[in-house]
Protein backbone atom coordinates (compact mmCIF):
# COMPACT_ATOMS: atom_id res chain seq x y z
CA MET A 1 -46.38 3.55 -93.52
CA THR A 2 -46.35 1.48 -90.31
CA ALA A 3 -43.70 2.96 -87.76
CA ASP A 4 -41.11 -0.16 -86.37
CA SER A 5 -40.32 0.01 -82.45
CA GLU A 6 -37.69 3.04 -82.00
CA THR A 7 -34.97 2.38 -79.14
CA LEU A 8 -34.15 5.96 -77.51
CA GLU A 9 -30.10 6.68 -77.29
CA VAL A 10 -29.07 9.23 -74.44
CA PRO A 11 -27.03 11.18 -75.65
CA PRO A 12 -23.03 10.34 -74.85
CA ARG A 13 -22.47 13.80 -72.33
CA ARG A 14 -25.79 12.61 -70.48
CA ARG A 15 -24.41 9.22 -69.62
CA VAL A 16 -20.89 10.74 -68.71
CA ARG A 17 -23.01 12.76 -66.07
CA GLY A 18 -24.92 10.10 -64.96
CA ARG A 19 -21.76 7.81 -63.74
CA ARG A 20 -20.20 11.21 -62.52
CA ALA A 21 -23.19 11.53 -60.20
CA ALA A 22 -23.65 7.61 -59.23
CA ALA A 23 -19.00 7.53 -58.35
CA VAL A 24 -20.15 10.79 -56.38
CA ILE A 25 -22.96 9.24 -54.50
CA ALA A 26 -20.91 6.06 -53.76
CA LEU A 27 -17.81 7.99 -52.42
CA VAL A 28 -19.86 9.97 -50.48
CA LEU A 29 -21.43 6.85 -48.57
CA GLY A 30 -18.73 5.15 -48.21
CA LEU A 31 -17.02 8.09 -46.53
CA ALA A 32 -19.46 8.10 -44.41
CA GLY A 33 -19.74 4.00 -43.51
CA PHE A 34 -15.49 5.22 -42.76
CA GLY A 35 -16.12 7.67 -40.93
CA ALA A 36 -18.98 5.92 -38.47
CA SER A 37 -16.34 3.29 -38.39
CA MET A 38 -13.70 5.46 -37.15
CA THR A 39 -16.00 6.78 -34.75
CA ALA A 40 -16.72 3.30 -33.22
CA VAL A 41 -13.35 2.54 -33.21
CA ALA A 42 -12.23 5.32 -31.35
CA ILE A 43 -15.12 4.98 -29.24
CA GLN A 44 -13.68 1.27 -28.51
CA LEU A 45 -10.21 3.30 -27.80
CA MET A 46 -11.13 6.02 -25.38
CA PRO A 47 -10.30 5.19 -21.49
CA ARG A 48 -13.47 4.39 -19.92
CA HIS A 49 -14.66 6.26 -17.35
CA PHE A 50 -15.28 3.90 -13.86
CA THR A 51 -18.18 5.09 -11.42
CA ALA A 52 -16.23 6.71 -7.75
CA GLY A 53 -17.68 3.31 -6.44
CA GLN A 54 -15.57 1.89 -9.29
CA GLN A 55 -12.84 3.24 -9.11
CA GLN A 56 -12.46 3.47 -5.42
CA GLN A 57 -13.31 -0.63 -5.40
CA ILE A 58 -10.09 -0.93 -7.61
CA GLU A 59 -7.87 1.18 -5.64
CA ASN A 60 -8.78 -0.71 -2.99
CA TRP A 61 -8.35 -3.93 -4.26
CA GLU A 62 -4.26 -2.73 -5.82
CA ILE A 63 -3.64 -1.54 -1.89
CA SER A 64 -4.90 -4.76 -0.36
CA SER A 65 -2.55 -6.58 -2.62
CA ARG A 66 0.18 -5.01 -2.46
CA TRP A 67 1.81 -7.62 0.16
CA GLN A 68 1.67 -9.79 -2.06
CA THR A 69 3.29 -8.31 -4.92
CA MET A 70 5.41 -6.23 -3.69
CA THR A 71 9.02 -7.95 -1.89
CA ALA A 72 10.23 -7.77 1.03
CA GLY A 73 13.15 -5.40 0.05
CA GLN A 74 10.05 -2.86 -0.82
CA ILE A 75 7.81 -3.42 1.93
CA PHE A 76 10.78 -3.77 4.26
CA PRO A 77 13.91 -1.42 3.02
CA ALA A 78 17.75 -2.08 3.57
CA THR A 79 17.86 1.46 5.32
CA VAL A 80 15.20 3.83 6.70
CA SER A 81 15.87 7.92 7.06
CA TYR A 82 14.49 9.05 10.41
CA GLN A 83 15.31 12.06 12.58
CA LEU A 84 16.21 13.59 15.68
CA SER A 85 14.29 16.62 16.55
CA ALA A 86 16.25 19.88 17.87
CA PRO A 87 14.62 19.92 21.19
CA LEU A 88 15.77 16.32 22.09
CA LEU A 89 19.15 17.12 21.10
CA GLU A 90 18.95 20.37 22.99
CA ASP A 91 20.31 21.35 19.42
CA THR A 92 18.97 24.34 17.04
CA SER A 93 18.47 22.02 14.29
CA PRO A 94 17.79 18.31 13.78
CA LEU A 95 20.08 15.12 12.98
CA ASN A 96 19.42 12.97 10.29
CA LEU A 97 19.83 9.50 10.60
CA ASN A 98 19.53 6.20 8.81
CA ALA A 99 17.76 3.11 10.22
CA THR A 100 19.71 -0.39 9.03
CA ARG A 101 17.46 -3.53 8.82
CA VAL A 102 19.09 -6.83 10.16
CA GLY A 103 16.88 -9.16 9.81
CA VAL A 104 13.48 -9.95 7.90
CA ALA A 105 11.17 -12.78 9.36
CA LYS A 106 9.41 -15.32 7.59
CA GLN A 107 5.81 -14.92 6.99
CA SER A 108 3.58 -16.14 9.09
CA GLY A 109 -0.16 -16.72 9.93
CA CYS A 110 -1.68 -14.40 13.22
CA GLY A 111 -0.50 -16.50 15.89
CA THR A 112 1.18 -16.24 19.16
CA GLY A 113 4.34 -16.58 17.34
CA ALA A 114 4.66 -13.50 15.65
CA ILE A 115 2.09 -10.74 18.01
CA THR A 116 1.19 -11.16 21.51
CA ALA A 117 -1.53 -13.21 22.76
CA ALA A 118 -3.79 -10.53 23.46
CA ALA A 119 -3.34 -9.10 19.89
CA ALA A 120 -3.65 -12.46 18.67
CA ALA A 121 -7.26 -12.91 19.64
CA VAL A 122 -8.30 -9.32 18.10
CA LEU A 123 -6.71 -9.65 15.20
CA ARG A 124 -8.20 -13.25 14.44
CA ARG A 125 -11.58 -12.18 15.38
CA GLU A 126 -11.19 -9.45 12.94
CA GLY A 127 -10.05 -11.82 10.35
CA CYS A 128 -6.17 -11.25 9.81
CA GLU A 129 -4.55 -13.21 7.06
CA ALA A 130 -0.76 -12.93 7.70
CA VAL A 131 1.48 -10.89 9.43
CA LEU A 132 5.15 -9.53 8.42
CA ARG A 133 8.06 -8.61 10.14
CA ALA A 134 11.40 -7.21 10.15
CA THR A 135 13.93 -6.10 12.42
CA TYR A 136 16.29 -2.58 12.17
CA VAL A 137 18.58 -0.86 14.50
CA ASP A 138 19.37 2.74 14.94
CA ALA A 139 22.78 4.25 13.77
CA THR A 140 24.50 3.73 16.68
CA ARG A 141 23.06 0.53 17.37
CA SER A 142 21.64 1.01 20.62
CA TYR A 143 18.43 0.82 19.73
CA VAL A 144 16.64 -2.29 18.29
CA LEU A 145 13.23 -1.75 16.65
CA THR A 146 10.57 -4.79 15.26
CA VAL A 147 7.84 -3.54 12.74
CA GLY A 148 5.11 -5.70 12.20
CA VAL A 149 2.45 -5.53 9.87
CA ALA A 150 -0.51 -7.54 10.19
CA VAL A 151 -3.04 -7.92 6.95
CA LEU A 152 -6.55 -7.36 7.71
CA PRO A 153 -9.52 -8.05 4.79
CA THR A 154 -10.37 -4.12 5.11
CA GLY A 155 -9.37 -0.42 6.12
CA ALA A 156 -12.17 -0.75 8.81
CA ALA A 157 -11.40 -4.28 10.12
CA ALA A 158 -7.59 -2.40 10.45
CA ALA A 159 -9.08 0.20 12.31
CA ALA A 160 -11.16 -1.75 14.61
CA ALA A 161 -8.19 -4.53 15.33
CA ASN A 162 -6.21 -1.04 16.13
CA ALA A 163 -8.92 0.40 18.29
CA GLY A 164 -8.78 -3.06 20.17
CA LEU A 165 -5.54 -3.16 21.29
CA SER A 166 -4.39 -1.12 24.16
CA PRO A 167 -2.90 2.73 24.20
CA ALA A 168 0.54 2.71 24.33
CA ARG A 169 2.50 2.22 27.36
CA LEU A 170 6.09 2.47 28.45
CA ALA A 171 7.42 -0.50 30.60
CA THR A 172 7.83 0.23 34.67
CA ALA A 173 10.82 -0.48 36.39
CA HIS A 174 10.79 -3.01 38.67
CA ASP A 175 7.23 -4.55 37.95
CA ALA A 176 7.03 -8.53 37.93
CA ASN A 177 4.22 -7.22 35.77
CA ALA A 178 5.91 -5.73 32.97
CA ALA A 179 4.56 -7.05 30.12
CA SER A 180 1.17 -6.77 30.89
CA GLN A 181 1.59 -3.37 30.91
CA LEU A 182 2.71 -2.83 27.46
CA ALA A 183 0.23 -2.79 24.52
CA ALA A 184 -0.29 -5.51 22.44
CA GLY A 185 0.94 -6.16 19.61
CA VAL A 186 3.86 -7.57 17.74
CA GLN A 187 6.93 -9.48 19.31
CA VAL A 188 10.21 -9.19 18.64
CA VAL A 189 12.27 -10.72 15.97
CA ARG A 190 14.60 -13.22 17.52
CA LEU A 191 18.01 -13.36 15.64
CA GLY A 192 19.76 -16.32 16.09
CA GLY A 193 21.19 -14.48 19.21
CA MET A 194 21.70 -10.97 18.70
CA TYR A 195 19.22 -8.33 19.24
CA ASN A 196 17.29 -10.92 22.11
CA TYR A 197 16.06 -7.33 23.46
CA ASN A 198 13.12 -6.73 25.20
CA ARG A 199 10.08 -4.90 24.65
CA GLN A 200 10.15 -1.02 26.03
CA ILE A 201 7.54 0.26 24.05
CA SER A 202 4.72 -1.17 21.54
CA VAL A 203 2.66 0.90 19.51
CA SER A 204 0.58 0.71 16.70
CA PHE A 205 -1.67 2.33 14.17
CA ALA A 206 -3.91 1.63 10.79
CA ASP A 207 -3.01 2.16 7.43
CA GLY A 208 -5.73 1.26 5.05
CA PRO A 209 -6.09 -2.74 5.52
CA TYR A 210 -2.93 -2.89 7.18
CA LEU A 211 -2.46 -2.90 10.90
CA ILE A 212 1.56 -1.38 11.55
CA MET A 213 3.11 -2.88 14.70
CA TYR A 214 6.62 -2.27 16.69
CA ALA A 215 8.40 -2.98 19.38
CA ALA A 216 11.28 -1.26 20.42
CA GLY A 217 14.36 -1.37 23.20
CA TYR A 218 17.28 -1.52 24.16
CA ALA A 219 20.00 -3.36 21.98
CA ASP A 220 21.80 -4.19 24.98
CA SER A 221 19.35 -7.05 26.16
CA ARG A 222 18.47 -5.35 29.41
CA PRO A 223 15.45 -5.82 30.92
CA ARG A 224 12.18 -3.63 31.05
CA VAL A 225 13.08 -0.38 32.50
CA GLN A 226 11.74 3.00 33.30
CA VAL A 227 12.38 5.15 30.17
CA SER A 228 9.69 7.47 30.77
CA GLN A 229 12.19 9.23 33.04
CA ASP A 230 15.20 9.43 30.07
CA ALA A 231 14.01 11.88 27.98
CA TYR A 232 16.75 11.39 25.23
CA SER A 233 16.48 7.57 25.06
CA TYR A 234 12.90 7.18 24.83
CA GLY A 235 13.15 9.98 22.04
CA ALA A 236 15.74 8.51 20.52
CA MET A 237 13.83 5.30 20.46
CA ASN A 238 10.90 6.70 19.48
CA SER A 239 12.06 8.22 16.11
CA LEU A 240 13.58 5.14 15.30
CA ALA A 241 10.72 2.96 15.57
CA GLN A 242 8.23 6.30 14.20
CA GLY A 243 10.46 6.43 11.33
CA VAL A 244 10.81 3.09 9.98
CA ALA A 245 7.01 1.96 10.97
CA GLN A 246 5.75 5.03 8.93
CA SER A 247 8.31 4.09 6.01
CA VAL A 248 6.71 0.44 5.60
CA ALA A 249 3.24 1.92 6.02
CA ALA A 250 3.81 4.47 3.26
CA ARG A 251 5.13 1.88 0.66
CA LEU A 252 1.64 -0.21 1.16
CA ALA A 253 -0.96 1.83 1.35
CA ALA A 254 -0.11 4.99 -0.58
CA PRO A 255 -2.96 6.49 -2.59
CA PRO A 256 -2.60 4.13 -6.31
CA ALA A 257 -2.86 5.92 -9.89
CA PRO A 258 -6.14 6.58 -10.65
CA PRO A 259 -7.48 3.71 -12.73
CA HIS A 260 -7.88 3.84 -16.52
CA CYS A 261 -9.10 1.20 -19.00
CA PRO A 262 -9.06 0.92 -23.02
CA GLY A 263 -12.19 -0.18 -23.24
CA SER A 264 -10.50 -3.52 -25.07
CA PRO A 265 -12.15 -6.65 -24.88
CA GLY A 266 -11.57 -7.79 -21.61
CA CYS A 267 -11.01 -5.24 -19.76
């Protein structure tokens, strides 16, 4: 007898097992793919780690752009707290006072309209971009101060510019050359006849890419006089000036928060 071709049939139980195995394999592969995808997404969303050099560049950029991103009121606040020391007052405790802003000048270039000729020469050599100025009076309106900010391209340029200005000096009484005895620096802001004072002291210091300059004097427009013999006036004038100048510097050159990046496109 001749045998016909036979078709082998898989038992039903074996077919079910095969389908289950295939489903398990597919599920495992799917989970593996999903896990890989989620890992890639997580890596993309994790903060990017900048090198120390990159972080410093970002921080420098943020500080150097503040003079453009901050408002005049943020740079030069309406009031600034300062303190007269206990020794100056010949007392046992210091006195806390507030300086009041009485005017903000328009932004200017680095010419003699805002700074002295000697300062202009130094600042231009170091790449000065702009000068910002504001005027304050002390709590008793006995002293008046102009604080100026010269914007330099780098901290090194600001430090070099500061080194190029002469050390702080006091005005000399009855000296026709009294102006030359003062350090080169910011010119006082004229406020329509108010506080057209004469510089009695002139000081500058660098903080980041900013050169902070201030000039202080008596609010009654008296000519340059010898203030070194008047310890109280000199101390009160300096306390006012330093308090305001340091406040302005702190706002512009304060270290920013460490930069971070989510890693998204365009970050």
